[in-house]
Structure formats: C-alpha cells, structure tokens
Amino acid sequence: MTIIVLNTFGILWQDIINNPSASLLLIANLVIIESLLSIDNAAVLATMVMNLPEKERSRALRIGIIFAYIFRGVALLLAGYLLSIDWVKLVGGSYLLFLGVKFFYEKWKTHKTIAENVNEEIKDIKPGKRLFGLSLFWSTVVMVEAMDLVFSLDNVLAAGALSNNIIIVCIGVFIGIITMRIVAQYFVKLLALFPFLDTSAFIVILLLGTKLVYSYFVPHKHTLADENFWNKYGFSVITITVFLLPLASSYFFNFPQMNKEKKDNP
C-alpha cells in the first residue's frame, strides 16, 4: 500500500516537473480562487478572535492556520478521491452551479457586493462563548476551526474541479490560505474598490461546475502530459482572464466602473 502511494505521488511530481508552465498556471488559478472565495472567511475569523486579549489573538490565528492546513489537506485528499467517482463529479459540479446561480440571483435581488456581505457578517458575530468547559482561548480556536470547515466546502470542490493533480491543488490552496490570513483586510479593500471582482469569482465557479458536470459525461485524461494543448492551458488562461481583463479595463478605462469613493478615500 505504501509503495502504491509513493509511486502515485512520484508520478504526480513528475507530471509537474514535465509540465512546469501548465502547473504554474493552475497554481496561480488556485491561489486566486482560494483568495477570493476565502475573503469572507478570513475577515470573519479575524473578527471572531477580537474577544480575546490582544496578545492571544495572533496565537489563536496561528493555531487556526495549522489546523486549517490539516483539515483542508484531509478534505482535499478526500475530495480528490471522491471526484474520481463519476456520480460525485455530477453532484459536486451541480453544487458549484447551484452556488453560482444562487450568488447571481441574490446579487440581482440585493445588489450587494462580497465586501458589503462581509461587513454584515462581521456585525452579526456574537462575543465569544466558552464551549465544553474549555477556556475562552480554546473555545475561540474551536469556533474558528468549525467556521473554517463550514466555509471551505465550495473552496475544496472548486480546487478539485480545477486539477486532478492533488499536489498542485494542495500547493495552490495552501498558498491561498496563508495569503488570505495575512492580507485579508487588503483583499476586502480591493473588492470595495473593484466591486465586480465577486462577479468574476462566481463566473469561475460556474465554469468549474460546468467542467465537473462535463467530465461526468465526457471523461478526460488524468495527467497534464496526456492532455492536448487546449486542455492543458486553455481553462487556466480563461479563468485568469476572467479576473485580470476586467481589472485592467476598469483601471485604464473605468469599465467596469470602480468605486471612486473608495479610491479617493482608501
């Protein structure tokens, strides 16, 4: 069993080494997707520790990052296995499509951005409670991890839909996790300045959901080396373009419109 696992990881590493540019594109995609989908998560978690003494807040978040890596790693391995099962691809893809449609429906009804939703979620957070006889510190850590698990389902499915290579997925997601824990407040400001970025994120979610459902009906290759040029680079280029093209267009031509109030008053 151990030999089989080592051989599998050896094949996956060799696939990355043999296809560095495609692997880097996938990792960049994963970091962007993980970062944008985790903005509300990171902002809420940072707020949850505010009930702790100042010297304990960073410690709670550091412990949170360690457990986030452990839980997310297990979830990604499980998702990687489950998404090799045909009907799970159909269910997972349908769930991502549901999330995308739900987002656009609620956006159409409320006209709220992710940044505005984050602010509302933060307002609704109650002061910390003691759980299971634990101290306030460890109760907060438990609540942070529970919230992180709840928030991570769509991230895990999206990551699993983007690549079959679990090593690429873990590298991209883990970079995204640490990035969001460090610079969450700056990403919230970025979303406030460019409010259309949440739309870009959920367009990608719809694309990933479609990709998973499509792979249920039309199975594809499992390594980058076996893919044709379009399958190797095409989807990654499209998803990155969905983020970068509107950003460049907004910055240079103000289309889509950026939030000028946030630009003038950062």
Protein backbone atom coordinates (compact mmCIF):
# COMPACT_ATOMS: atom_id res chain seq x y z
CA MET A 1 0.00 0.00 0.00
CA THR A 2 2.80 2.42 0.96
CA ILE A 3 4.64 1.62 -2.27
CA ILE A 4 1.50 2.34 -4.32
CA VAL A 5 1.03 5.71 -2.59
CA LEU A 6 4.70 6.66 -3.11
CA ASN A 7 4.54 5.62 -6.75
CA THR A 8 1.39 7.70 -7.25
CA PHE A 9 2.98 10.79 -5.69
CA GLY A 10 6.11 10.18 -7.76
CA ILE A 11 4.01 10.19 -10.94
CA LEU A 12 2.25 13.39 -9.87
CA TRP A 13 5.55 15.17 -9.10
CA GLN A 14 6.98 14.02 -12.43
CA ASP A 15 3.87 15.38 -14.15
CA ILE A 16 4.55 18.80 -12.55
CA ILE A 17 8.26 18.72 -13.48
CA ASN A 18 7.47 17.77 -17.07
CA ASN A 19 4.82 20.48 -17.42
CA PRO A 20 6.07 23.45 -15.35
CA SER A 21 4.23 26.24 -17.20
CA ALA A 22 0.85 24.47 -17.10
CA SER A 23 1.41 23.60 -13.42
CA LEU A 24 2.26 27.21 -12.51
CA LEU A 25 -0.86 28.44 -14.33
CA LEU A 26 -3.00 26.01 -12.35
CA ILE A 27 -1.36 27.04 -9.07
CA ALA A 28 -1.92 30.74 -9.89
CA ASN A 29 -5.58 29.95 -10.61
CA LEU A 30 -5.93 28.10 -7.33
CA VAL A 31 -4.38 30.94 -5.32
CA ILE A 32 -6.72 33.50 -6.93
CA ILE A 33 -9.82 31.33 -6.47
CA GLU A 34 -8.92 30.36 -2.89
CA SER A 35 -8.18 34.00 -2.02
CA LEU A 36 -11.41 35.46 -3.42
CA LEU A 37 -13.63 32.68 -2.07
CA SER A 38 -11.98 32.99 1.36
CA ILE A 39 -12.32 36.75 1.81
CA ASP A 40 -15.48 36.49 3.89
CA ASN A 41 -13.97 33.53 5.75
CA ALA A 42 -10.74 35.32 6.69
CA ALA A 43 -12.49 38.54 7.68
CA VAL A 44 -15.00 36.72 9.89
CA LEU A 45 -12.30 34.57 11.54
CA ALA A 46 -10.20 37.65 12.26
CA THR A 47 -13.25 39.23 13.90
CA MET A 48 -14.02 36.12 15.97
CA VAL A 49 -10.73 36.41 17.85
CA MET A 50 -11.32 40.04 18.78
CA ASN A 51 -12.92 38.96 22.06
CA LEU A 52 -9.52 37.62 23.18
CA PRO A 53 -6.80 39.70 24.83
CA GLU A 54 -4.64 41.35 22.17
CA LYS A 55 -1.56 39.19 22.88
CA GLU A 56 -3.60 35.99 22.36
CA ARG A 57 -5.25 36.96 19.05
CA SER A 58 -2.32 36.27 16.77
CA ARG A 59 -1.64 33.00 18.63
CA ALA A 60 -5.24 31.87 18.07
CA LEU A 61 -5.00 32.66 14.36
CA ARG A 62 -1.63 30.88 14.09
CA ILE A 63 -3.12 27.75 15.66
CA GLY A 64 -6.08 28.22 13.33
CA ILE A 65 -3.77 28.22 10.30
CA ILE A 66 -2.11 24.97 11.45
CA PHE A 67 -5.44 23.20 11.86
CA ALA A 68 -6.74 24.77 8.64
CA TYR A 69 -3.84 23.16 6.77
CA ILE A 70 -4.50 19.79 8.41
CA PHE A 71 -8.28 19.80 7.86
CA ARG A 72 -8.06 21.28 4.36
CA GLY A 73 -5.36 18.76 3.41
CA VAL A 74 -7.54 15.86 4.56
CA ALA A 75 -10.56 17.38 2.79
CA LEU A 76 -8.59 17.82 -0.45
CA LEU A 77 -7.32 14.24 -0.36
CA LEU A 78 -10.86 13.02 0.28
CA ALA A 79 -12.25 15.27 -2.47
CA GLY A 80 -9.54 14.10 -4.87
CA TYR A 81 -10.60 10.50 -4.26
CA LEU A 82 -14.35 11.20 -4.35
CA LEU A 83 -14.12 13.28 -7.54
CA SER A 84 -12.64 10.24 -9.28
CA ILE A 85 -16.09 8.66 -8.83
CA ASP A 86 -18.36 9.62 -11.72
CA TRP A 87 -21.57 10.37 -9.82
CA VAL A 88 -19.67 12.51 -7.28
CA LYS A 89 -18.43 14.68 -10.17
CA LEU A 90 -22.04 15.21 -11.21
CA VAL A 91 -23.15 16.05 -7.65
CA GLY A 92 -20.13 18.30 -6.95
CA GLY A 93 -20.48 20.10 -10.27
CA SER A 94 -24.19 20.60 -9.71
CA TYR A 95 -23.48 22.05 -6.27
CA LEU A 96 -20.98 24.56 -7.72
CA LEU A 97 -23.52 25.51 -10.40
CA PHE A 98 -26.11 25.98 -7.65
CA LEU A 99 -23.73 28.26 -5.71
CA GLY A 100 -23.09 30.34 -8.83
CA VAL A 101 -26.77 30.69 -9.73
CA LYS A 102 -27.64 31.46 -6.09
CA PHE A 103 -24.98 34.19 -5.97
CA PHE A 104 -26.21 35.92 -9.12
CA TYR A 105 -29.85 35.64 -8.02
CA GLU A 106 -29.10 37.19 -4.62
CA LYS A 107 -26.90 39.85 -6.23
CA TRP A 108 -29.75 40.70 -8.61
CA LYS A 109 -32.13 40.97 -5.64
CA THR A 110 -29.92 42.83 -3.14
CA HIS A 111 -27.21 44.44 -5.34
CA LYS A 112 -24.69 43.75 -2.56
CA THR A 113 -21.00 43.00 -3.09
CA ILE A 114 -18.89 40.47 -1.17
CA ALA A 115 -17.31 43.34 0.77
CA GLU A 116 -20.75 44.53 1.90
CA ASN A 117 -21.77 40.99 2.84
CA VAL A 118 -18.55 40.61 4.85
CA ASN A 119 -19.36 43.75 6.82
CA GLU A 120 -22.86 42.40 7.58
CA GLU A 121 -21.50 39.01 8.68
CA ILE A 122 -19.00 40.71 10.98
CA LYS A 123 -21.77 42.76 12.60
CA ASP A 124 -23.74 39.59 13.32
CA ILE A 125 -20.88 37.85 15.16
CA LYS A 126 -21.60 37.44 18.85
CA PRO A 127 -18.97 37.76 21.59
CA GLY A 128 -17.05 34.58 22.33
CA LYS A 129 -18.59 31.86 24.49
CA ARG A 130 -16.97 29.08 26.48
CA LEU A 131 -17.55 25.64 24.92
CA PHE A 132 -17.39 22.18 26.52
CA GLY A 133 -15.74 23.56 29.66
CA LEU A 134 -12.78 24.92 27.66
CA SER A 135 -11.07 28.22 28.33
CA LEU A 136 -12.14 31.26 26.31
CA PHE A 137 -8.97 30.95 24.21
CA TRP A 138 -9.50 27.31 23.22
CA SER A 139 -13.25 27.83 22.80
CA THR A 140 -12.45 30.58 20.30
CA VAL A 141 -9.98 28.32 18.47
CA VAL A 142 -12.64 25.57 18.23
CA MET A 143 -15.22 28.04 16.87
CA VAL A 144 -12.70 29.42 14.36
CA GLU A 145 -11.96 25.91 13.05
CA ALA A 146 -15.64 24.97 12.91
CA MET A 147 -16.37 28.13 10.91
CA ASP A 148 -13.40 27.44 8.64
CA LEU A 149 -14.70 23.94 7.87
CA VAL A 150 -18.17 25.26 7.05
CA PHE A 151 -16.76 27.92 4.74
CA SER A 152 -14.32 25.61 2.96
CA LEU A 153 -16.71 23.24 1.14
CA ASP A 154 -17.04 25.35 -2.00
CA ASN A 155 -13.28 26.06 -1.99
CA VAL A 156 -12.43 22.35 -1.83
CA LEU A 157 -14.85 21.44 -4.62
CA ALA A 158 -13.61 24.30 -6.81
CA ALA A 159 -9.99 23.27 -6.27
CA GLY A 160 -10.73 19.63 -7.01
CA ALA A 161 -12.57 20.62 -10.19
CA LEU A 162 -9.60 22.64 -11.47
CA SER A 163 -6.98 19.87 -11.41
CA ASN A 164 -6.67 16.13 -10.90
CA ASN A 165 -3.14 16.54 -9.53
CA ILE A 166 -3.54 16.63 -5.73
CA ILE A 167 -0.03 18.06 -5.27
CA ILE A 168 -0.82 21.07 -7.49
CA VAL A 169 -4.15 21.52 -5.72
CA CYS A 170 -2.58 21.43 -2.24
CA ILE A 171 0.21 23.86 -3.20
CA GLY A 172 -2.24 26.37 -4.66
CA VAL A 173 -4.80 26.07 -1.85
CA PHE A 174 -2.20 26.21 0.93
CA ILE A 175 -0.61 29.34 -0.57
CA GLY A 176 -4.10 30.82 -0.82
CA ILE A 177 -4.85 30.02 2.83
CA ILE A 178 -1.75 31.73 4.19
CA THR A 179 -2.20 34.64 1.78
CA MET A 180 -5.75 35.31 2.94
CA ARG A 181 -4.89 35.03 6.63
CA ILE A 182 -2.15 37.65 6.18
CA VAL A 183 -3.72 40.13 3.74
CA ALA A 184 -7.48 39.58 4.15
CA GLN A 185 -8.11 43.25 5.01
CA TYR A 186 -6.34 44.37 1.83
CA PHE A 187 -8.40 41.99 -0.29
CA VAL A 188 -11.59 43.39 1.26
CA LYS A 189 -10.39 46.89 0.31
CA LEU A 190 -9.58 45.64 -3.20
CA LEU A 191 -13.11 44.26 -3.53
CA ALA A 192 -14.52 47.55 -2.28
CA LEU A 193 -12.54 49.39 -4.96
CA PHE A 194 -13.34 46.86 -7.71
CA PRO A 195 -16.79 45.57 -6.68
CA PHE A 196 -17.15 43.47 -9.85
CA LEU A 197 -14.46 41.01 -8.70
CA ASP A 198 -17.01 38.95 -6.81
CA THR A 199 -18.86 38.51 -10.11
CA SER A 200 -15.61 37.29 -11.70
CA ALA A 201 -15.13 34.80 -8.86
CA PHE A 202 -18.56 33.27 -9.32
CA ILE A 203 -18.28 33.19 -13.10
CA VAL A 204 -15.27 30.96 -12.46
CA ILE A 205 -17.35 28.88 -10.01
CA LEU A 206 -19.93 28.38 -12.77
CA LEU A 207 -17.15 27.42 -15.20
CA LEU A 208 -15.72 24.92 -12.70
CA GLY A 209 -19.16 23.46 -12.04
CA THR A 210 -19.71 23.09 -15.78
CA LYS A 211 -16.27 21.47 -16.10
CA LEU A 212 -17.10 18.89 -13.42
CA VAL A 213 -20.52 18.06 -14.91
CA TYR A 214 -18.96 17.85 -18.39
CA SER A 215 -16.25 15.48 -17.10
CA TYR A 216 -19.04 13.19 -15.83
CA PHE A 217 -20.39 12.80 -19.36
CA VAL A 218 -17.03 13.06 -21.18
CA PRO A 219 -14.19 11.57 -19.09
CA HIS A 220 -10.78 13.20 -19.66
CA LYS A 221 -7.11 12.35 -19.11
CA HIS A 222 -5.66 12.28 -15.59
CA THR A 223 -2.21 13.81 -16.16
CA LEU A 224 -1.06 17.02 -17.81
CA ALA A 225 1.27 15.06 -20.08
CA ASP A 226 -1.73 13.24 -21.60
CA GLU A 227 -3.72 16.43 -22.26
CA ASN A 228 -3.75 18.33 -25.55
CA PHE A 229 -2.63 21.97 -25.67
CA TRP A 230 -6.15 23.39 -25.13
CA ASN A 231 -6.96 21.18 -22.15
CA LYS A 232 -3.54 21.84 -20.63
CA TYR A 233 -3.60 25.65 -20.88
CA GLY A 234 -7.00 26.77 -22.13
CA PHE A 235 -9.10 26.58 -18.99
CA SER A 236 -6.40 28.17 -16.82
CA VAL A 237 -5.97 31.06 -19.27
CA ILE A 238 -9.74 31.62 -19.42
CA THR A 239 -10.19 31.70 -15.64
CA ILE A 240 -7.24 34.04 -15.06
CA THR A 241 -8.51 36.28 -17.88
CA VAL A 242 -11.92 36.45 -16.19
CA PHE A 243 -10.15 38.14 -13.25
CA LEU A 244 -7.42 40.17 -14.94
CA LEU A 245 -9.22 41.55 -18.01
CA PRO A 246 -11.96 43.39 -16.04
CA LEU A 247 -9.31 44.67 -13.58
CA ALA A 248 -7.17 46.11 -16.39
CA SER A 249 -10.18 47.50 -18.23
CA SER A 250 -11.52 49.12 -15.06
CA TYR A 251 -8.16 50.61 -14.11
CA PHE A 252 -7.39 52.11 -17.52
CA PHE A 253 -10.86 52.82 -18.94
CA ASN A 254 -13.09 52.73 -15.81
CA PHE A 255 -15.18 49.94 -17.35
CA PRO A 256 -16.50 48.14 -15.41
CA GLN A 257 -16.70 51.11 -13.07
CA MET A 258 -14.50 51.09 -9.99
CA ASN A 259 -15.73 52.54 -6.71
CA LYS A 260 -14.30 56.08 -6.94
CA GLU A 261 -15.27 56.90 -3.35
CA LYS A 262 -13.04 54.07 -2.12
CA LYS A 263 -10.28 55.16 -4.47
CA ASP A 264 -10.35 58.73 -3.19
CA ASN A 265 -10.73 57.61 0.45
CA PRO A 266 -8.74 54.38 0.89
